[in-house]
Structure formats: structure tokens, C-alpha cells
Amino acid sequence: MVKFTAFAILVVAACGPNTRNGNGDDDTHGDANTSTVDAPACATSIVKADKIPLDIFIMLDRSSSMSDSVSGGTKWTTVTSALDTFVQQPGLDGISVGIQYFGVPAGGATCSALTCTVAADCGAAACGPCTSGVCLGFFASAGDSCTASDYATPAVEIAPLPGAAAALVASIGMHSPTTGTPTSAALQGAVDHSKAWATAHPGDAVVAVLATDGDPSGCDESLPHIDAIAATAFAGTPSIPTFVIGVGPSLSSLNGIAAAGGTTSAFLVDTGGNTNQQFLDAMNAIRHAALGCQYLVPTPVSGSPNFDEVNVVYQPGGGGAAQTFPYVMTQANCPASGDGWYYNNPANPTQIILCGSTCSRIEGDTTGEVDVTLGCSTVIL
């Protein structure tokens, strides 16, 4: 599993010709943090930069085969335990998560609980009443929906962690593996909701995560058709990448969905090993891969930054001289090897994005630091 590392990102506000007030003080208001990078002599204040918010919509397979035994329990118990751990772990500020399950019955009600003590144990109102310890609606709703809109309505809406963790854990605990695997409808619903969410939150990175233990069973089972759903979502505007986690053996067909969805290949969990930890590792790898090395362009409290006076500076964690990465116009201008960065929109920048080779380099440095300096002429490749 690929290891990804989060970096401390600091913005150094420098006192260029247009950044100082009449008293000689810098107009950018920062905190008391001090950068370890040797910034230009005019750099006087430091503010913490914000990483791009990341929104994850999980579509979780609850087919009956998820009850199969694996090392440490069943597929369902190990996977859901890993999800519980993921959403409750520290350090997820700036990440939002929502969830839906597949299959669901027509109309979208998720009647996942068979036994009950009171009606509330049955979940949705249509899944009750609770009679003689059984949720009668469970049987009435049998059969998986093939309507994408039934999956586009989340069981728990995308919301920021850690606040959303309690609702996510409670929802996961109310479900159990009892259905087929209507992957086509579920994936379409997942990307549809993700696209609607991304449209409403244009400053966020939004991704869909499909977690499943097998090939499609029910609805449209054509793998080329399912791949096309992911491909269309990735090619659209806004673009929605699809990450895939496969739980079990012989799941190489899921690589097609991931590749079509712009994420190269699926994360395949070997159920003969530590399924729980592997699934947790996959989720953490996805959150880093989905976000990449993207940072918000810092804006002074007073005025706007001069985009011709922005530099990205890297301080290696093992020591050594700070290095200024050069600016390139677009991703297409990134060097095949070597360093660089670019704006998401050169005409109206809102994000600083490191080139792929540069991102890979700094993510391998667990103690390195990246700073953004304002006020000094941009170094251009």
C-alpha cells in the first residue's frame, strides 16, 4: 500500500512594494508561528495556509456475501469497523464524509435490520412495524432497486469530520449484509450525488468511493457499461474521480472501474490477511491521493495578492538548504522529472497545485515543510 504523508503548510507574507502600510508594518495579519525556511529579508509575517477541503461520498456494498467469514470476523464487520475507525481518527479537519449503501429497495428506504425490539430498530418508517421481534417491512421491501436516484440520496449526507462521525457510525451500525450487488445503479447514484455536491461546493475536491466485495449481481451487470459510468463522471464538469476498494479475491475486474474513474486501479483487500487494517489503509491512502498537493492561494486581510509575486519554497526534513520550486503555466508544462507548480486557473487563481513529480517527492519526506511566500517576484521555469 502506498504511504502518503500530510505536510505542515505555512504561508509567508512578505513586504513587497505594495504590502506595507505607512507605519512600515505588514498589512497581512498572521499568527505567531515562525517558518523554518529562510524567506527573503522582507518576509515578516506567517499565516497558516488552508488545504483544499475534501468531500468523500462512500457507496458501501451490503450484499449477502459481505457476511462471509474472513480473518478477524466477516467482511462486513471488519470493513465497517475500519470505517468507524477512519471517521473517528484524529487529523481529519477539512475532510467531509457521507455514505449510502447498496442495494436498497425501490424508493430508497434501507430496510437492513431484520430483528428488533422497538420500531425504531427497523430504521426507516417503511421498514416497520416491529412485530414479534421482526421488522415486517424488511420482507415487503425485498428486491434491489435499479434506479440510480434511490442511491443518490445519502443515508448520511456529506458533512465535516469530526462532527459527522457520530451519525456515520450510528448509520453503519443500523445496516447489515442482506442484498444483491446492483453496482451499476449504485455507482450511477454515487457519482450523481457527488457531482451535485461538487456543483454546490465549487471550492472543494469531491470524490466517490465504491467499496464492494464482488462482481455486479442485479440490474445492468455489463462491466463496460459500469466502466462508462465512472468514465463519464470523471470527464464531466465538475470532474468526479471514482476510487474503488475491493474486499476479497479475484476482484481484478474492479480495476476497470477505477481506471475509467481516473484513479488508475482499485485497492484490493486480501481477506486472508488483516482485512480491517487493509481497508483502513486504503481509506487513508484515498484521502491523500484524492487531495494531492493542492493548497488555497493565500489572500492578505487587506487587498489581494499579486500573483506575479508568489513563490513555493520547500525545506527538506533532513536539513539542507531551502529550495524554491519554479512556476509553470499549466499541468502540461510540468517537467517529466524535476520540480514545479502551477495555478488551477492562471487567469483567476484560487489554488496552488504542485506538479506530480514534486508532489511525490515531498510526500516521501515525513518531516519536510512547504511554504508559500508573497511579495517577491515569482521564479519561473
Protein backbone atom coordinates (compact mmCIF):
# COMPACT_ATOMS: atom_id res chain seq x y z
CA MET A 1 0.00 0.00 0.00
CA VAL A 2 1.35 3.42 -0.90
CA LYS A 3 2.11 5.64 2.06
CA PHE A 4 1.07 9.27 1.88
CA THR A 5 2.16 11.99 4.30
CA ALA A 6 0.48 15.23 5.28
CA PHE A 7 2.70 18.30 5.34
CA ALA A 8 2.69 21.39 7.50
CA ILE A 9 1.90 24.20 5.10
CA LEU A 10 2.77 27.76 6.03
CA VAL A 11 2.34 30.96 4.10
CA VAL A 12 4.97 33.65 4.48
CA ALA A 13 3.56 37.11 3.81
CA ALA A 14 6.39 39.25 2.51
CA CYS A 15 6.63 43.03 2.50
CA GLY A 16 6.94 43.73 -1.20
CA PRO A 17 6.49 47.23 -2.54
CA ASN A 18 2.71 47.18 -2.19
CA THR A 19 2.35 45.22 1.06
CA ARG A 20 3.48 47.66 3.70
CA ASN A 21 1.43 50.40 5.29
CA GLY A 22 2.52 53.87 6.28
CA ASN A 23 3.97 52.65 9.57
CA GLY A 24 6.20 50.11 7.86
CA ASP A 25 4.10 47.22 9.22
CA ASP A 26 2.95 44.35 7.07
CA ASP A 27 -0.73 44.55 6.17
CA THR A 28 -1.14 40.76 6.24
CA HIS A 29 -2.24 39.55 9.64
CA GLY A 30 -0.73 36.23 10.69
CA ASP A 31 -0.31 34.17 13.82
CA ALA A 32 2.79 33.78 15.94
CA ASN A 33 4.11 30.75 14.07
CA THR A 34 7.59 31.04 12.63
CA SER A 35 8.76 29.35 9.45
CA THR A 36 11.93 27.29 9.45
CA VAL A 37 12.54 28.30 5.82
CA ASP A 38 14.94 31.19 5.16
CA ALA A 39 12.44 33.51 3.49
CA PRO A 40 13.56 36.77 1.85
CA ALA A 41 14.53 39.54 4.23
CA CYS A 42 11.24 41.36 3.65
CA ALA A 43 9.17 38.41 4.91
CA THR A 44 7.78 39.46 8.26
CA SER A 45 4.53 37.59 8.95
CA ILE A 46 3.40 33.99 8.65
CA VAL A 47 -0.17 32.74 8.25
CA LYS A 48 -1.28 29.13 8.07
CA ALA A 49 -2.43 28.13 4.60
CA ASP A 50 -5.58 26.05 4.14
CA LYS A 51 -5.55 22.81 2.18
CA ILE A 52 -8.38 22.30 -0.27
CA PRO A 53 -11.44 20.82 1.53
CA LEU A 54 -12.01 17.17 0.61
CA ASP A 55 -15.52 15.66 0.42
CA ILE A 56 -15.87 11.86 0.22
CA PHE A 57 -19.11 10.07 -0.68
CA ILE A 58 -18.90 6.36 0.17
CA MET A 59 -21.10 3.78 -1.58
CA LEU A 60 -20.83 0.64 0.59
CA ASP A 61 -21.77 -2.85 -0.58
CA ARG A 62 -24.12 -4.61 1.85
CA SER A 63 -24.73 -7.70 -0.27
CA SER A 64 -25.23 -11.02 1.49
CA SER A 65 -21.72 -12.18 0.55
CA MET A 66 -20.35 -9.46 2.83
CA SER A 67 -21.31 -11.81 5.68
CA ASP A 68 -18.64 -14.31 4.56
CA SER A 69 -16.03 -15.14 7.18
CA VAL A 70 -12.56 -13.60 6.90
CA SER A 71 -9.62 -13.21 9.22
CA GLY A 72 -10.86 -11.19 12.18
CA GLY A 73 -14.61 -11.65 11.65
CA THR A 74 -16.71 -11.24 8.50
CA LYS A 75 -16.18 -8.98 5.54
CA TRP A 76 -18.94 -6.74 6.87
CA THR A 77 -17.73 -6.50 10.47
CA THR A 78 -14.10 -5.87 9.52
CA VAL A 79 -14.94 -3.31 6.84
CA THR A 80 -17.46 -1.40 8.96
CA SER A 81 -15.09 -1.46 11.93
CA ALA A 82 -12.42 0.06 9.69
CA LEU A 83 -14.85 2.76 8.54
CA ASP A 84 -15.76 3.53 12.16
CA THR A 85 -12.06 3.93 12.92
CA PHE A 86 -11.46 6.03 9.83
CA VAL A 87 -14.12 8.66 10.55
CA GLN A 88 -13.15 8.91 14.22
CA GLN A 89 -9.37 9.14 13.84
CA PRO A 90 -7.69 12.47 14.62
CA GLY A 91 -6.30 14.79 12.00
CA LEU A 92 -9.26 14.81 9.58
CA ASP A 93 -10.09 18.50 9.85
CA GLY A 94 -11.06 19.77 6.40
CA ILE A 95 -12.45 16.38 5.34
CA SER A 96 -16.18 15.71 5.00
CA VAL A 97 -17.77 12.27 4.57
CA GLY A 98 -21.20 10.95 3.59
CA ILE A 99 -22.44 7.41 2.97
CA GLN A 100 -25.05 5.32 1.19
CA TYR A 101 -25.41 1.55 0.87
CA PHE A 102 -26.27 -0.85 -1.92
CA GLY A 103 -28.58 -2.44 -2.61
CA VAL A 104 -31.59 -0.56 -1.39
CA PRO A 105 -35.23 -1.36 -2.15
CA ALA A 106 -37.28 0.60 -4.65
CA GLY A 107 -37.93 4.08 -3.31
CA GLY A 108 -34.62 4.16 -1.49
CA ALA A 109 -35.61 3.01 2.00
CA THR A 110 -32.78 0.99 3.54
CA CYS A 111 -34.51 -1.84 5.37
CA SER A 112 -31.38 -3.52 6.66
CA ALA A 113 -32.48 -4.68 10.12
CA LEU A 114 -34.46 -7.93 10.37
CA THR A 115 -34.82 -8.26 14.15
CA CYS A 116 -35.98 -5.54 16.52
CA THR A 117 -37.19 -4.65 19.98
CA VAL A 118 -38.97 -1.41 19.07
CA ALA A 119 -39.99 0.13 15.74
CA ALA A 120 -37.00 2.49 15.77
CA ASP A 121 -34.70 -0.53 15.46
CA CYS A 122 -36.06 -1.11 11.96
CA GLY A 123 -34.65 2.18 10.64
CA ALA A 124 -36.87 3.88 8.05
CA ALA A 125 -40.57 4.06 8.85
CA ALA A 126 -41.38 1.91 5.82
CA CYS A 127 -39.28 -0.90 7.31
CA GLY A 128 -41.55 -1.38 10.34
CA PRO A 129 -43.60 -2.16 12.24
CA CYS A 130 -41.72 -4.25 14.79
CA THR A 131 -43.90 -7.31 15.37
CA SER A 132 -42.81 -10.29 17.47
CA GLY A 133 -39.22 -9.14 17.26
CA VAL A 134 -39.21 -8.88 13.46
CA CYS A 135 -39.24 -5.81 11.16
CA LEU A 136 -42.11 -6.70 8.86
CA GLY A 137 -41.16 -4.04 6.30
CA PHE A 138 -37.89 -5.87 5.73
CA PHE A 139 -39.72 -8.53 3.75
CA ALA A 140 -42.05 -6.13 1.94
CA SER A 141 -39.06 -4.20 0.60
CA ALA A 142 -37.18 -7.23 -0.66
CA GLY A 143 -35.56 -6.71 -4.06
CA ASP A 144 -32.85 -4.25 -5.02
CA SER A 145 -33.67 -1.01 -6.80
CA CYS A 146 -32.14 -0.45 -10.22
CA THR A 147 -32.98 3.28 -10.09
CA ALA A 148 -29.92 5.49 -9.67
CA SER A 149 -31.84 8.21 -7.82
CA ASP A 150 -32.54 5.75 -4.99
CA TYR A 151 -28.78 5.60 -4.39
CA ALA A 152 -28.14 9.29 -4.99
CA THR A 153 -29.95 10.11 -1.75
CA PRO A 154 -27.41 9.54 1.04
CA ALA A 155 -28.17 7.65 4.22
CA VAL A 156 -25.93 10.26 5.87
CA GLU A 157 -25.26 13.46 3.97
CA ILE A 158 -21.69 14.64 3.38
CA ALA A 159 -20.66 16.67 6.41
CA PRO A 160 -17.40 17.74 8.09
CA LEU A 161 -15.45 15.47 10.40
CA PRO A 162 -15.13 15.05 13.31
CA GLY A 163 -18.69 16.36 13.81
CA ALA A 164 -20.25 13.92 11.34
CA ALA A 165 -18.55 10.86 12.84
CA ALA A 166 -21.32 10.01 15.33
CA ALA A 167 -24.04 10.00 12.64
CA LEU A 168 -21.89 7.90 10.31
CA VAL A 169 -21.08 5.32 12.99
CA ALA A 170 -24.74 5.11 14.03
CA SER A 171 -25.88 4.64 10.43
CA ILE A 172 -23.31 1.93 9.72
CA GLY A 173 -24.40 0.13 12.89
CA MET A 174 -28.02 0.02 11.66
CA HIS A 175 -27.15 -1.88 8.49
CA SER A 176 -26.27 -5.47 7.75
CA PRO A 177 -25.42 -7.52 4.64
CA THR A 178 -28.65 -8.82 3.10
CA THR A 179 -28.90 -7.75 -0.57
CA GLY A 180 -27.56 -8.36 -4.05
CA THR A 181 -24.85 -6.26 -5.74
CA PRO A 182 -26.57 -3.76 -8.09
CA THR A 183 -23.29 -2.00 -8.87
CA SER A 184 -24.43 -0.09 -11.95
CA ALA A 185 -27.31 1.72 -10.24
CA ALA A 186 -25.29 2.27 -7.06
CA LEU A 187 -22.30 3.75 -8.89
CA GLN A 188 -24.51 6.00 -11.00
CA GLY A 189 -26.23 7.24 -7.86
CA ALA A 190 -22.89 7.82 -6.15
CA VAL A 191 -21.42 9.91 -8.94
CA ASP A 192 -24.70 11.78 -9.47
CA HIS A 193 -24.79 12.86 -5.84
CA SER A 194 -21.09 13.66 -5.86
CA LYS A 195 -21.49 15.84 -8.95
CA ALA A 196 -24.44 17.71 -7.45
CA TRP A 197 -22.45 18.24 -4.27
CA ALA A 198 -19.38 19.45 -6.17
CA THR A 199 -21.51 21.90 -8.14
CA ALA A 200 -22.85 23.33 -4.89
CA HIS A 201 -19.35 23.39 -3.31
CA PRO A 202 -17.06 24.57 -6.14
CA GLY A 203 -14.05 25.14 -3.88
CA ASP A 204 -13.95 21.53 -2.67
CA ALA A 205 -12.36 18.38 -4.05
CA VAL A 206 -15.19 15.80 -4.26
CA VAL A 207 -14.71 12.07 -4.87
CA ALA A 208 -16.84 8.92 -4.89
CA VAL A 209 -15.62 5.74 -3.16
CA LEU A 210 -17.13 2.41 -4.22
CA ALA A 211 -16.45 -0.34 -1.66
CA THR A 212 -17.58 -3.82 -2.75
CA ASP A 213 -16.70 -7.49 -2.40
CA GLY A 214 -17.57 -8.80 -5.82
CA ASP A 215 -18.77 -8.58 -9.36
CA PRO A 216 -22.15 -6.97 -10.14
CA SER A 217 -25.23 -9.04 -9.40
CA GLY A 218 -28.52 -7.49 -10.49
CA CYS A 219 -29.52 -4.54 -12.68
CA ASP A 220 -27.06 -3.86 -15.53
CA GLU A 221 -24.18 -6.28 -14.98
CA SER A 222 -22.18 -5.24 -18.06
CA LEU A 223 -18.67 -4.24 -16.93
CA PRO A 224 -18.11 -1.96 -19.96
CA HIS A 225 -21.35 -0.15 -19.12
CA ILE A 226 -20.30 0.25 -15.49
CA ASP A 227 -16.84 1.46 -16.52
CA ALA A 228 -18.56 4.03 -18.76
CA ILE A 229 -20.45 5.44 -15.74
CA ALA A 230 -17.16 6.13 -13.98
CA ALA A 231 -15.54 7.48 -17.16
CA THR A 232 -18.39 9.91 -17.83
CA ALA A 233 -18.27 11.22 -14.27
CA PHE A 234 -14.52 11.76 -14.44
CA ALA A 235 -14.68 13.50 -17.83
CA GLY A 236 -17.58 15.74 -16.79
CA THR A 237 -17.67 19.20 -15.26
CA PRO A 238 -17.19 19.15 -12.36
CA SER A 239 -14.97 16.08 -12.66
CA ILE A 240 -15.75 13.30 -10.17
CA PRO A 241 -12.99 10.69 -9.65
CA THR A 242 -14.12 7.23 -8.56
CA PHE A 243 -11.95 5.29 -6.13
CA VAL A 244 -12.65 1.56 -5.69
CA ILE A 245 -11.92 -0.76 -2.76
CA GLY A 246 -12.39 -4.46 -3.45
CA VAL A 247 -12.75 -6.83 -0.49
CA GLY A 248 -11.81 -10.40 -1.35
CA PRO A 249 -10.01 -12.44 -4.01
CA SER A 250 -10.33 -12.26 -7.79
CA LEU A 251 -11.54 -8.69 -7.94
CA SER A 252 -9.31 -7.52 -10.78
CA SER A 253 -12.41 -6.53 -12.79
CA LEU A 254 -12.78 -3.63 -10.36
CA ASN A 255 -9.58 -2.16 -11.77
CA GLY A 256 -11.57 -1.23 -14.87
CA ILE A 257 -13.94 0.94 -12.84
CA ALA A 258 -11.07 2.67 -11.07
CA ALA A 259 -9.12 3.25 -14.28
CA ALA A 260 -12.20 4.66 -16.02
CA GLY A 261 -12.83 6.83 -12.97
CA GLY A 262 -9.39 8.40 -13.17
CA THR A 263 -7.78 6.61 -10.22
CA THR A 264 -5.66 4.03 -12.10
CA SER A 265 -6.51 0.84 -10.17
CA ALA A 266 -8.60 -0.49 -7.31
CA PHE A 267 -7.34 -1.02 -3.77
CA LEU A 268 -7.68 -4.78 -3.33
CA VAL A 269 -8.02 -6.08 0.22
CA ASP A 270 -6.69 -9.59 0.83
CA THR A 271 -9.22 -11.22 3.16
CA GLY A 272 -6.63 -13.79 4.17
CA GLY A 273 -4.72 -11.06 5.97
CA ASN A 274 -5.73 -8.25 8.32
CA THR A 275 -8.85 -7.12 6.44
CA ASN A 276 -9.66 -4.37 8.92
CA GLN A 277 -6.24 -2.73 8.71
CA GLN A 278 -6.01 -3.11 4.94
CA PHE A 279 -9.36 -1.40 4.45
CA LEU A 280 -8.39 1.40 6.84
CA ASP A 281 -5.08 1.83 4.99
CA ALA A 282 -6.98 2.03 1.70
CA MET A 283 -9.29 4.77 3.01
CA ASN A 284 -6.35 6.78 4.30
CA ALA A 285 -4.48 6.34 1.02
CA ILE A 286 -7.57 7.52 -0.85
CA ARG A 287 -7.94 10.68 1.22
CA HIS A 288 -4.35 11.65 0.45
CA ALA A 289 -4.48 10.64 -3.21
CA ALA A 290 -7.78 12.45 -3.73
CA LEU A 291 -6.46 15.70 -2.31
CA GLY A 292 -2.96 15.57 -3.71
CA CYS A 293 -0.75 18.61 -3.23
CA GLN A 294 -3.35 21.35 -3.62
CA TYR A 295 -3.47 24.45 -1.46
CA LEU A 296 -5.63 27.54 -1.38
CA VAL A 297 -3.96 30.69 -2.63
CA PRO A 298 -3.44 32.83 0.50
CA THR A 299 -5.14 36.20 0.49
CA PRO A 300 -3.97 39.10 2.67
CA VAL A 301 -6.56 40.52 5.06
CA SER A 302 -6.14 43.85 3.27
CA GLY A 303 -6.08 43.79 -0.51
CA SER A 304 -5.38 40.97 -2.94
CA PRO A 305 -2.16 39.06 -3.60
CA ASN A 306 -0.05 39.92 -6.60
CA PHE A 307 0.05 36.60 -8.46
CA ASP A 308 3.35 37.60 -10.06
CA GLU A 309 4.90 37.71 -6.58
CA VAL A 310 4.17 34.22 -5.25
CA ASN A 311 6.78 31.52 -4.62
CA VAL A 312 6.64 27.97 -3.28
CA VAL A 313 9.55 27.06 -1.02
CA TYR A 314 10.42 23.57 0.27
CA GLN A 315 12.51 22.87 3.37
CA PRO A 316 13.72 19.22 3.41
CA GLY A 317 13.00 17.47 6.67
CA GLY A 318 16.53 16.08 6.92
CA GLY A 319 18.03 19.54 6.78
CA GLY A 320 19.81 21.27 3.96
CA ALA A 321 19.09 24.43 2.04
CA ALA A 322 15.55 25.55 1.29
CA GLN A 323 14.55 25.10 -2.34
CA THR A 324 12.26 27.38 -4.35
CA PHE A 325 10.11 25.43 -6.80
CA PRO A 326 9.64 27.21 -10.15
CA TYR A 327 6.26 28.19 -11.57
CA VAL A 328 4.95 26.57 -14.77
CA MET A 329 1.93 27.83 -16.68
CA THR A 330 -0.20 24.65 -16.64
CA GLN A 331 -0.04 20.99 -15.68
CA ALA A 332 1.00 20.24 -19.26
CA ASN A 333 4.15 22.30 -18.68
CA CYS A 334 5.24 20.25 -15.65
CA PRO A 335 8.66 18.66 -16.18
CA ALA A 336 8.78 14.89 -16.54
CA SER A 337 11.31 14.89 -13.75
CA GLY A 338 12.16 17.87 -11.62
CA ASP A 339 10.06 20.37 -9.74
CA GLY A 340 7.31 22.84 -10.48
CA TRP A 341 3.91 24.19 -9.54
CA TYR A 342 1.01 25.88 -11.30
CA TYR A 343 -2.30 27.61 -10.63
CA ASN A 344 -5.62 25.84 -11.15
CA ASN A 345 -6.68 28.84 -13.27
CA PRO A 346 -3.88 31.20 -14.39
CA ALA A 347 -6.39 33.96 -15.17
CA ASN A 348 -8.12 33.77 -11.78
CA PRO A 349 -6.08 31.59 -9.39
CA THR A 350 -7.67 30.04 -6.31
CA GLN A 351 -5.39 27.03 -5.84
CA ILE A 352 -1.66 26.28 -5.89
CA ILE A 353 -1.01 22.77 -7.25
CA LEU A 354 2.36 21.01 -7.17
CA CYS A 355 3.44 19.07 -10.27
CA GLY A 356 3.21 15.31 -9.95
CA SER A 357 6.92 14.64 -9.58
CA THR A 358 7.21 17.40 -6.98
CA CYS A 359 4.20 16.12 -5.04
CA SER A 360 5.63 12.59 -4.97
CA ARG A 361 8.93 13.93 -3.75
CA ILE A 362 7.63 15.91 -0.79
CA GLU A 363 5.13 13.22 0.23
CA GLY A 364 8.10 10.93 0.75
CA ASP A 365 9.56 13.38 3.26
CA THR A 366 7.70 12.85 6.53
CA THR A 367 9.16 15.92 8.24
CA GLY A 368 9.54 18.34 5.33
CA GLU A 369 7.80 21.69 5.14
CA VAL A 370 6.32 23.67 2.27
CA ASP A 371 5.90 27.45 2.48
CA VAL A 372 4.33 29.96 0.13
CA THR A 373 5.98 33.39 0.07
CA LEU A 374 4.13 36.50 -1.04
CA GLY A 375 5.77 39.71 -2.21
CA CYS A 376 8.83 38.51 -4.13
CA SER A 377 8.95 38.07 -7.91
CA THR A 378 7.87 34.58 -8.94
CA VAL A 379 10.62 32.20 -10.02
CA ILE A 380 9.60 30.85 -13.45
CA LEU A 381 10.83 27.64 -15.06
